[in-house]
Amino acid sequence: MAKIFIFIGVIFIIIGILMYLFKDFPLFHLPGDIVIKKENFTFYFPITSSIIISIVLSAIFYIISKIFQ
């Protein structure tokens, strides 16, 4: 169980470093993300980005479960 947490932590660190290096990362500016801009208010709901992140994380966790089974 500890190996899984270490592996997940390393993945999060790598993702964080990549997002820091590529500040204009297009993940959260995809078509389908909802953006509502008013005078003093901006609402942003990244629905497409959330779906892509969910698919990627599901695949990663599936692979991890098959490796450690």
C-alpha atoms as a PDB file:
ATOM      1  CA  MET A   1       0.000   0.000   0.000  1.00  0.00           C
ATOM      2  CA  ALA A   2       2.856   2.389   0.757  1.00  0.00           C
ATOM      3  CA  LYS A   3       4.322   1.763  -2.705  1.00  0.00           C
ATOM      4  CA  ILE A   4       1.101   2.956  -4.306  1.00  0.00           C
ATOM      5  CA  PHE A   5       1.128   6.207  -2.310  1.00  0.00           C
ATOM      6  CA  ILE A   6       4.778   6.824  -3.203  1.00  0.00           C
ATOM      7  CA  PHE A   7       4.057   6.157  -6.876  1.00  0.00           C
ATOM      8  CA  ILE A   8       1.055   8.500  -6.862  1.00  0.00           C
ATOM      9  CA  GLY A   9       3.118  11.167  -5.095  1.00  0.00           C
ATOM     10  CA  VAL A  10       5.863  10.932  -7.696  1.00  0.00           C
ATOM     11  CA  ILE A  11       3.285  11.275 -10.481  1.00  0.00           C
ATOM     12  CA  PHE A  12       1.819  14.392  -8.828  1.00  0.00           C
ATOM     13  CA  ILE A  13       5.298  15.896  -8.457  1.00  0.00           C
ATOM     14  CA  ILE A  14       6.067  15.265 -12.134  1.00  0.00           C
ATOM     15  CA  ILE A  15       2.733  16.776 -13.196  1.00  0.00           C
ATOM     16  CA  GLY A  16       3.340  19.798 -10.965  1.00  0.00           C
ATOM     17  CA  ILE A  17       6.807  20.369 -12.402  1.00  0.00           C
ATOM     18  CA  LEU A  18       5.480  20.090 -15.961  1.00  0.00           C
ATOM     19  CA  MET A  19       2.670  22.545 -15.247  1.00  0.00           C
ATOM     20  CA  TYR A  20       5.179  24.952 -13.667  1.00  0.00           C
ATOM     21  CA  LEU A  21       7.518  24.756 -16.649  1.00  0.00           C
ATOM     22  CA  PHE A  22       4.738  25.060 -19.240  1.00  0.00           C
ATOM     23  CA  LYS A  23       2.625  27.858 -17.767  1.00  0.00           C
ATOM     24  CA  ASP A  24       0.587  28.191 -20.950  1.00  0.00           C
ATOM     25  CA  PHE A  25      -0.415  24.538 -20.680  1.00  0.00           C
ATOM     26  CA  PRO A  26      -3.523  24.198 -22.896  1.00  0.00           C
ATOM     27  CA  LEU A  27      -5.274  21.680 -20.626  1.00  0.00           C
ATOM     28  CA  PHE A  28      -7.516  24.207 -18.893  1.00  0.00           C
ATOM     29  CA  HIS A  29      -8.344  26.191 -22.027  1.00  0.00           C
ATOM     30  CA  LEU A  30     -10.071  23.526 -24.094  1.00  0.00           C
ATOM     31  CA  PRO A  31     -13.221  23.920 -26.167  1.00  0.00           C
ATOM     32  CA  GLY A  32     -16.121  22.872 -23.990  1.00  0.00           C
ATOM     33  CA  ASP A  33     -14.819  24.568 -20.858  1.00  0.00           C
ATOM     34  CA  ILE A  34     -17.440  27.034 -19.668  1.00  0.00           C
ATOM     35  CA  VAL A  35     -16.297  30.636 -19.152  1.00  0.00           C
ATOM     36  CA  ILE A  36     -18.720  33.417 -18.184  1.00  0.00           C
ATOM     37  CA  LYS A  37     -17.218  36.902 -17.910  1.00  0.00           C
ATOM     38  CA  LYS A  38     -19.154  39.850 -16.485  1.00  0.00           C
ATOM     39  CA  GLU A  39     -17.944  43.253 -15.341  1.00  0.00           C
ATOM     40  CA  ASN A  40     -16.706  42.256 -11.875  1.00  0.00           C
ATOM     41  CA  PHE A  41     -17.192  38.512 -12.061  1.00  0.00           C
ATOM     42  CA  THR A  42     -15.625  35.595 -13.922  1.00  0.00           C
ATOM     43  CA  PHE A  43     -16.991  32.052 -13.669  1.00  0.00           C
ATOM     44  CA  TYR A  44     -14.867  29.237 -15.060  1.00  0.00           C
ATOM     45  CA  PHE A  45     -15.958  25.591 -15.116  1.00  0.00           C
ATOM     46  CA  PRO A  46     -13.437  23.289 -16.863  1.00  0.00           C
ATOM     47  CA  ILE A  47     -15.818  20.459 -17.778  1.00  0.00           C
ATOM     48  CA  THR A  48     -13.835  19.140 -20.769  1.00  0.00           C
ATOM     49  CA  SER A  49     -10.561  19.338 -18.871  1.00  0.00           C
ATOM     50  CA  SER A  50     -12.157  17.510 -15.930  1.00  0.00           C
ATOM     51  CA  ILE A  51     -13.331  14.689 -18.191  1.00  0.00           C
ATOM     52  CA  ILE A  52      -9.861  14.289 -19.715  1.00  0.00           C
ATOM     53  CA  ILE A  53      -8.192  14.304 -16.291  1.00  0.00           C
ATOM     54  CA  SER A  54     -10.717  11.718 -15.069  1.00  0.00           C
ATOM     55  CA  ILE A  55     -10.008   9.404 -18.005  1.00  0.00           C
ATOM     56  CA  VAL A  56      -6.238   9.695 -17.550  1.00  0.00           C
ATOM     57  CA  LEU A  57      -6.406   9.084 -13.785  1.00  0.00           C
ATOM     58  CA  SER A  58      -8.753   6.117 -14.278  1.00  0.00           C
ATOM     59  CA  ALA A  59      -6.291   4.580 -16.721  1.00  0.00           C
ATOM     60  CA  ILE A  60      -3.362   5.189 -14.352  1.00  0.00           C
ATOM     61  CA  PHE A  61      -5.175   3.642 -11.388  1.00  0.00           C
ATOM     62  CA  TYR A  62      -6.262   0.673 -13.534  1.00  0.00           C
ATOM     63  CA  ILE A  63      -2.657   0.049 -14.579  1.00  0.00           C
ATOM     64  CA  ILE A  64      -1.429   0.410 -10.991  1.00  0.00           C
ATOM     65  CA  SER A  65      -4.048  -2.052  -9.739  1.00  0.00           C
ATOM     66  CA  LYS A  66      -3.024  -4.593 -12.391  1.00  0.00           C
ATOM     67  CA  ILE A  67       0.673  -4.185 -11.534  1.00  0.00           C
ATOM     68  CA  PHE A  68       0.253  -4.614  -7.773  1.00  0.00           C
ATOM     69  CA  GLN A  69      -2.336  -7.399  -7.933  1.00  0.00           C
END
